[in-house]
Amino acid sequence: MKTFYREDESMIKEVPNAGKLAEGTDYQIIRLILKPGEAQVLHRNQRRVIFYVINGKGVLQVDGRNFQLGMGDGAEVMTYEQRAWKNIGEEDLELLVFKFL
């Protein structure tokens, strides 16, 4: 797994099974898959993000609060809020990530 650093020097790790589906001058749409038990490192993003759960269930942690989300649920996370996903189900957690640049 690779480690990257943002302009604000916060660290992020490359997430396997993530793929950019579309990109414009002011947005990106990303498909993210987390295997059962897999979790992201808590991180900040310089962009507003909307998540949509396509399949599975997980916990989205945002600034110390936990939200359990499942198929068909969505959540908006504002710029610079700390966030991380964890797959709490027995199947892949599949997300669409709408990132506003």
C-alpha atoms as a PDB file:
ATOM      1  CA  MET A   1       0.000   0.000   0.000  1.00  0.00           C
ATOM      2  CA  LYS A   2       1.459   3.390  -0.976  1.00  0.00           C
ATOM      3  CA  THR A   3       1.501   6.479   1.224  1.00  0.00           C
ATOM      4  CA  PHE A   4       0.825   9.939  -0.197  1.00  0.00           C
ATOM      5  CA  TYR A   5       1.052  13.416   1.320  1.00  0.00           C
ATOM      6  CA  ARG A   6      -1.306  16.296   0.540  1.00  0.00           C
ATOM      7  CA  GLU A   7      -0.381  19.969   0.278  1.00  0.00           C
ATOM      8  CA  ASP A   8      -1.352  20.422   3.953  1.00  0.00           C
ATOM      9  CA  GLU A   9       1.099  17.564   4.765  1.00  0.00           C
ATOM     10  CA  SER A  10      -1.657  15.208   5.940  1.00  0.00           C
ATOM     11  CA  MET A  11      -0.985  11.593   5.042  1.00  0.00           C
ATOM     12  CA  ILE A  12      -3.277   9.331   3.059  1.00  0.00           C
ATOM     13  CA  LYS A  13      -2.834   5.767   1.890  1.00  0.00           C
ATOM     14  CA  GLU A  14      -3.675   4.369  -1.500  1.00  0.00           C
ATOM     15  CA  VAL A  15      -6.867   2.341  -1.272  1.00  0.00           C
ATOM     16  CA  PRO A  16      -6.968  -0.814  -3.368  1.00  0.00           C
ATOM     17  CA  ASN A  17     -10.044  -1.258  -5.548  1.00  0.00           C
ATOM     18  CA  ALA A  18     -10.668   2.458  -6.027  1.00  0.00           C
ATOM     19  CA  GLY A  19     -11.253   3.744  -9.505  1.00  0.00           C
ATOM     20  CA  LYS A  20     -12.080   7.081 -11.032  1.00  0.00           C
ATOM     21  CA  LEU A  21     -15.274   6.788 -13.075  1.00  0.00           C
ATOM     22  CA  ALA A  22     -15.563  10.378 -14.298  1.00  0.00           C
ATOM     23  CA  GLU A  23     -13.781  13.685 -13.942  1.00  0.00           C
ATOM     24  CA  GLY A  24     -14.515  17.259 -14.927  1.00  0.00           C
ATOM     25  CA  THR A  25     -12.990  20.610 -14.149  1.00  0.00           C
ATOM     26  CA  ASP A  26     -14.900  20.853 -10.859  1.00  0.00           C
ATOM     27  CA  TYR A  27     -15.741  17.253  -9.859  1.00  0.00           C
ATOM     28  CA  GLN A  28     -14.608  13.633  -9.670  1.00  0.00           C
ATOM     29  CA  ILE A  29     -16.711  10.504  -9.309  1.00  0.00           C
ATOM     30  CA  ILE A  30     -14.872   7.588  -7.742  1.00  0.00           C
ATOM     31  CA  ARG A  31     -15.921   3.991  -7.075  1.00  0.00           C
ATOM     32  CA  LEU A  32     -14.480   2.726  -3.801  1.00  0.00           C
ATOM     33  CA  ILE A  33     -14.634  -0.869  -2.557  1.00  0.00           C
ATOM     34  CA  LEU A  34     -13.652  -1.956   0.947  1.00  0.00           C
ATOM     35  CA  LYS A  35     -13.445  -5.677   1.717  1.00  0.00           C
ATOM     36  CA  PRO A  36     -15.062  -7.046   4.913  1.00  0.00           C
ATOM     37  CA  GLY A  37     -13.200  -5.655   7.935  1.00  0.00           C
ATOM     38  CA  GLU A  38     -11.171  -3.236   5.819  1.00  0.00           C
ATOM     39  CA  ALA A  39     -10.963   0.391   6.972  1.00  0.00           C
ATOM     40  CA  GLN A  40      -9.529   3.667   5.792  1.00  0.00           C
ATOM     41  CA  VAL A  41      -7.074   5.729   7.790  1.00  0.00           C
ATOM     42  CA  LEU A  42      -8.775   8.762   9.353  1.00  0.00           C
ATOM     43  CA  HIS A  43      -7.962  11.706   7.069  1.00  0.00           C
ATOM     44  CA  ARG A  44      -8.980  15.219   6.068  1.00  0.00           C
ATOM     45  CA  ASN A  45      -9.895  16.228   2.554  1.00  0.00           C
ATOM     46  CA  GLN A  46      -9.655  19.688   1.062  1.00  0.00           C
ATOM     47  CA  ARG A  47     -12.893  19.075  -0.808  1.00  0.00           C
ATOM     48  CA  ARG A  48     -16.562  18.582  -0.035  1.00  0.00           C
ATOM     49  CA  VAL A  49     -17.535  14.962  -0.664  1.00  0.00           C
ATOM     50  CA  ILE A  50     -20.830  13.112  -1.038  1.00  0.00           C
ATOM     51  CA  PHE A  51     -20.849   9.344  -0.472  1.00  0.00           C
ATOM     52  CA  TYR A  52     -23.502   6.976  -1.807  1.00  0.00           C
ATOM     53  CA  VAL A  53     -23.564   3.345  -0.661  1.00  0.00           C
ATOM     54  CA  ILE A  54     -24.151   1.016  -3.621  1.00  0.00           C
ATOM     55  CA  ASN A  55     -23.749  -2.235  -1.693  1.00  0.00           C
ATOM     56  CA  GLY A  56     -22.882  -3.496   1.777  1.00  0.00           C
ATOM     57  CA  LYS A  57     -22.803  -1.657   5.082  1.00  0.00           C
ATOM     58  CA  GLY A  58     -20.217   0.389   6.874  1.00  0.00           C
ATOM     59  CA  VAL A  59     -19.471   2.989   9.468  1.00  0.00           C
ATOM     60  CA  LEU A  60     -18.507   6.478   8.348  1.00  0.00           C
ATOM     61  CA  GLN A  61     -16.596   8.340  11.030  1.00  0.00           C
ATOM     62  CA  VAL A  62     -16.756  12.130  10.694  1.00  0.00           C
ATOM     63  CA  ASP A  63     -15.010  14.353  13.244  1.00  0.00           C
ATOM     64  CA  GLY A  64     -15.361  11.777  16.020  1.00  0.00           C
ATOM     65  CA  ARG A  65     -18.992  10.807  15.306  1.00  0.00           C
ATOM     66  CA  ASN A  66     -19.948   7.432  13.820  1.00  0.00           C
ATOM     67  CA  PHE A  67     -22.728   6.892  11.284  1.00  0.00           C
ATOM     68  CA  GLN A  68     -23.815   3.423  10.192  1.00  0.00           C
ATOM     69  CA  LEU A  69     -24.849   3.443   6.537  1.00  0.00           C
ATOM     70  CA  GLY A  70     -26.096   0.738   4.194  1.00  0.00           C
ATOM     71  CA  MET A  71     -27.208   0.219   0.631  1.00  0.00           C
ATOM     72  CA  GLY A  72     -29.060   3.265  -0.698  1.00  0.00           C
ATOM     73  CA  ASP A  73     -27.820   5.631   2.026  1.00  0.00           C
ATOM     74  CA  GLY A  74     -25.847   8.779   1.367  1.00  0.00           C
ATOM     75  CA  ALA A  75     -23.831  11.270   3.385  1.00  0.00           C
ATOM     76  CA  GLU A  76     -22.193  14.619   2.772  1.00  0.00           C
ATOM     77  CA  VAL A  77     -18.880  15.470   4.413  1.00  0.00           C
ATOM     78  CA  MET A  78     -17.731  19.051   4.358  1.00  0.00           C
ATOM     79  CA  THR A  79     -14.272  20.376   3.567  1.00  0.00           C
ATOM     80  CA  TYR A  80     -11.598  19.616   6.186  1.00  0.00           C
ATOM     81  CA  GLU A  81     -13.799  17.348   8.342  1.00  0.00           C
ATOM     82  CA  GLN A  82     -11.887  14.246   9.376  1.00  0.00           C
ATOM     83  CA  ARG A  83     -13.390  11.132   7.833  1.00  0.00           C
ATOM     84  CA  ALA A  84     -12.857   7.404   7.410  1.00  0.00           C
ATOM     85  CA  TRP A  85     -14.919   4.407   6.310  1.00  0.00           C
ATOM     86  CA  LYS A  86     -14.905   0.914   7.816  1.00  0.00           C
ATOM     87  CA  ASN A  87     -16.654  -2.090   6.305  1.00  0.00           C
ATOM     88  CA  ILE A  88     -18.669  -3.756   9.100  1.00  0.00           C
ATOM     89  CA  GLY A  89     -20.492  -6.239   6.887  1.00  0.00           C
ATOM     90  CA  GLU A  90     -19.758  -9.666   5.527  1.00  0.00           C
ATOM     91  CA  GLU A  91     -19.706  -8.500   1.903  1.00  0.00           C
ATOM     92  CA  ASP A  92     -17.841  -5.790   0.020  1.00  0.00           C
ATOM     93  CA  LEU A  93     -18.747  -2.213   0.910  1.00  0.00           C
ATOM     94  CA  GLU A  94     -19.111  -0.451  -2.439  1.00  0.00           C
ATOM     95  CA  LEU A  95     -19.352   3.339  -2.522  1.00  0.00           C
ATOM     96  CA  LEU A  96     -19.698   6.087  -5.085  1.00  0.00           C
ATOM     97  CA  VAL A  97     -17.688   9.112  -4.017  1.00  0.00           C
ATOM     98  CA  PHE A  98     -18.644  12.488  -5.521  1.00  0.00           C
ATOM     99  CA  LYS A  99     -15.749  14.852  -4.895  1.00  0.00           C
ATOM    100  CA  PHE A 100     -16.201  18.554  -5.665  1.00  0.00           C
ATOM    101  CA  LEU A 101     -12.935  20.227  -6.741  1.00  0.00           C
END
